[in-house]
């Protein structure tokens, strides 16, 4: 399970405000509790899932099923900066595949992965909506367009502080 392994160290006291907010446990509390826990940690550590299971008196298998079903939940930490590489039609015809390959090589991760230093998470998206800038990527809320592979390192370096 990677970063969600049962042996990881997680400060469960951070969940106390979440549990206080959801004192009256109902069947519909699971998703709001998971959302609040993810807001607290930035992802859902396995130890936090176990604590939620105990609090909600729900089997861990059911909670894990919900977490893995909904795309909004993450079981691994995300990077400080989220890179979204557009793979839409306009970007595709302008060689977004080369941009993505350069990102993968430079960062050392595949799409969906996070660098070991937790600086960057690489994602692919179907369309950013900036077709006139193709090929384009977003870093957080910043659009970087008309990309060339030789510009990627300089762009990423500007987010390294």
Protein backbone atom coordinates (compact mmCIF):
# COMPACT_ATOMS: atom_id res chain seq x y z
CA UNK A 1 0.00 0.00 0.00
CA UNK A 2 2.99 2.36 -0.21
CA UNK A 3 2.47 5.50 1.86
CA UNK A 4 -0.66 4.06 3.36
CA UNK A 5 1.06 1.09 4.98
CA UNK A 6 -0.28 0.00 8.34
CA UNK A 7 3.07 0.68 10.09
CA UNK A 8 3.27 4.39 9.23
CA UNK A 9 3.40 7.07 11.93
CA UNK A 10 0.41 9.39 11.84
CA UNK A 11 -0.61 11.99 14.43
CA UNK A 12 -4.17 10.84 15.12
CA UNK A 13 -4.80 13.77 17.49
CA UNK A 14 -5.32 15.81 14.32
CA UNK A 15 -8.55 13.84 13.81
CA UNK A 16 -10.05 14.93 17.14
CA UNK A 17 -11.61 18.14 15.71
CA UNK A 18 -13.01 16.07 12.83
CA UNK A 19 -14.58 13.58 15.23
CA UNK A 20 -15.91 16.40 17.44
CA UNK A 21 -17.63 17.87 14.40
CA UNK A 22 -19.23 14.51 13.64
CA UNK A 23 -20.26 13.44 17.15
CA UNK A 24 -23.69 12.26 16.03
CA UNK A 25 -22.57 9.42 13.82
CA UNK A 26 -24.94 8.59 11.02
CA UNK A 27 -24.61 6.37 8.01
CA UNK A 28 -24.20 9.49 5.82
CA UNK A 29 -21.23 10.79 7.84
CA UNK A 30 -18.56 8.72 6.12
CA UNK A 31 -17.85 10.93 3.10
CA UNK A 32 -17.80 14.23 5.06
CA UNK A 33 -15.52 12.62 7.67
CA UNK A 34 -13.18 11.34 4.94
CA UNK A 35 -13.17 14.76 3.27
CA UNK A 36 -12.35 16.49 6.56
CA UNK A 37 -9.60 13.96 7.32
CA UNK A 38 -8.11 14.45 3.87
CA UNK A 39 -8.20 18.22 4.36
CA UNK A 40 -6.31 17.66 7.62
CA UNK A 41 -3.54 15.40 6.27
CA UNK A 42 -3.57 16.26 2.55
CA UNK A 43 -4.34 12.60 1.87
CA UNK A 44 -5.82 9.65 3.78
CA UNK A 45 -3.18 7.72 5.71
CA UNK A 46 -4.08 4.10 6.53
CA UNK A 47 -3.85 4.76 10.30
CA UNK A 48 -6.38 7.58 9.90
CA UNK A 49 -8.70 5.24 7.98
CA UNK A 50 -8.47 2.75 10.85
CA UNK A 51 -9.34 5.48 13.37
CA UNK A 52 -12.29 6.58 11.23
CA UNK A 53 -13.49 2.98 11.03
CA UNK A 54 -13.42 2.73 14.82
CA UNK A 55 -15.14 6.10 15.26
CA UNK A 56 -17.90 5.33 12.76
CA UNK A 57 -18.14 1.68 13.85
CA UNK A 58 -17.74 0.69 10.20
CA UNK A 59 -15.55 -2.08 8.80
CA UNK A 60 -12.24 -0.83 7.39
CA UNK A 61 -13.00 -2.76 4.20
CA UNK A 62 -16.11 -0.65 3.62
CA UNK A 63 -14.21 2.58 4.23
CA UNK A 64 -11.38 1.49 1.95
CA UNK A 65 -13.97 0.61 -0.71
CA UNK A 66 -15.41 4.13 -0.57
CA UNK A 67 -11.97 5.76 -0.64
CA UNK A 68 -10.87 3.77 -3.67
CA UNK A 69 -14.19 4.27 -5.49
CA UNK A 70 -14.24 8.09 -5.40
CA UNK A 71 -11.52 9.93 -7.34
CA UNK A 72 -11.55 12.81 -4.86
CA UNK A 73 -9.79 10.72 -2.22
CA UNK A 74 -6.04 10.13 -2.19
CA UNK A 75 -4.17 7.37 -0.36
CA UNK A 76 -0.75 8.88 -0.96
CA UNK A 77 0.59 12.38 -0.31
CA UNK A 78 0.48 14.88 -3.14
CA UNK A 79 3.26 17.25 -4.02
CA UNK A 80 3.40 20.90 -3.04
CA UNK A 81 2.88 21.73 -6.72
CA UNK A 82 0.44 19.92 -9.00
CA UNK A 83 1.49 19.69 -12.65
CA UNK A 84 -1.31 18.99 -15.12
CA UNK A 85 -0.11 18.05 -18.58
CA UNK A 86 -2.78 18.57 -21.22
CA UNK A 87 -3.35 15.63 -23.53
CA UNK A 88 -6.27 17.15 -25.48
CA UNK A 89 -6.51 17.17 -29.26
CA UNK A 90 -4.88 20.56 -29.86
CA UNK A 91 -2.00 19.67 -27.54
CA UNK A 92 -1.71 16.20 -29.00
CA UNK A 93 -1.23 17.46 -32.56
CA UNK A 94 1.38 19.90 -31.23
CA UNK A 95 3.35 17.07 -29.64
CA UNK A 96 2.20 17.02 -26.03
CA UNK A 97 3.54 13.44 -25.87
CA UNK A 98 7.09 14.82 -25.97
CA UNK A 99 6.25 17.29 -23.22
CA UNK A 100 4.83 14.51 -21.05
CA UNK A 101 7.86 12.30 -21.67
CA UNK A 102 10.15 15.19 -20.70
CA UNK A 103 8.13 15.77 -17.52
CA UNK A 104 8.28 12.06 -16.62
CA UNK A 105 12.04 11.94 -17.20
CA UNK A 106 12.78 15.22 -15.43
CA UNK A 107 10.62 14.42 -12.39
CA UNK A 108 11.31 10.70 -12.31
CA UNK A 109 7.61 9.85 -11.92
CA UNK A 110 4.76 8.60 -14.06
CA UNK A 111 1.40 10.38 -14.29
CA UNK A 112 -0.32 10.08 -10.93
CA UNK A 113 3.05 9.98 -9.18
CA UNK A 114 4.67 12.33 -6.71
CA UNK A 115 8.36 13.13 -6.49
CA UNK A 116 10.17 11.72 -3.45
CA UNK A 117 10.78 15.22 -2.09
CA UNK A 118 7.00 15.89 -2.30
CA UNK A 119 7.56 18.97 -4.48
CA UNK A 120 5.60 17.85 -7.54
CA UNK A 121 2.71 15.59 -8.45
CA UNK A 122 2.31 14.86 -12.16
CA UNK A 123 -1.16 14.43 -13.62
CA UNK A 124 -2.54 14.23 -17.14
CA UNK A 125 -5.80 15.91 -18.10
CA UNK A 126 -8.00 15.61 -21.16
CA UNK A 127 -8.13 19.36 -21.72
CA UNK A 128 -7.03 22.45 -19.86
CA UNK A 129 -9.07 24.75 -22.07
CA UNK A 130 -6.15 26.80 -23.36
CA UNK A 131 -5.96 25.28 -26.83
CA UNK A 132 -4.45 28.38 -28.39
CA UNK A 133 -1.41 27.85 -26.14
CA UNK A 134 -0.92 24.20 -27.13
CA UNK A 135 0.97 22.29 -25.99
CA UNK A 136 0.18 23.51 -22.48
CA UNK A 137 0.57 22.47 -18.88
CA UNK A 138 -0.61 23.95 -15.63
CA UNK A 139 1.53 24.16 -12.53
CA UNK A 140 -0.91 24.85 -9.73
CA UNK A 141 -2.95 27.72 -11.26
CA UNK A 142 -0.26 28.94 -13.67
CA UNK A 143 -0.62 28.06 -17.37
CA UNK A 144 2.56 27.45 -19.35
CA UNK A 145 1.96 27.31 -23.07
CA UNK A 146 3.67 26.83 -26.39
CA UNK A 147 5.91 24.39 -24.56
CA UNK A 148 9.07 22.82 -25.85
CA UNK A 149 10.92 20.04 -24.06
CA UNK A 150 13.97 22.27 -23.55
CA UNK A 151 11.87 24.74 -21.49
CA UNK A 152 10.51 22.24 -18.96
CA UNK A 153 13.47 22.23 -16.54
CA UNK A 154 13.56 26.02 -16.30
CA UNK A 155 9.81 26.16 -15.63
CA UNK A 156 10.05 23.50 -12.90
CA UNK A 157 13.08 25.21 -11.35
CA UNK A 158 10.98 28.35 -10.88
CA UNK A 159 8.76 26.34 -8.45
CA UNK A 160 11.59 24.83 -6.45
CA UNK A 161 11.65 27.37 -3.64
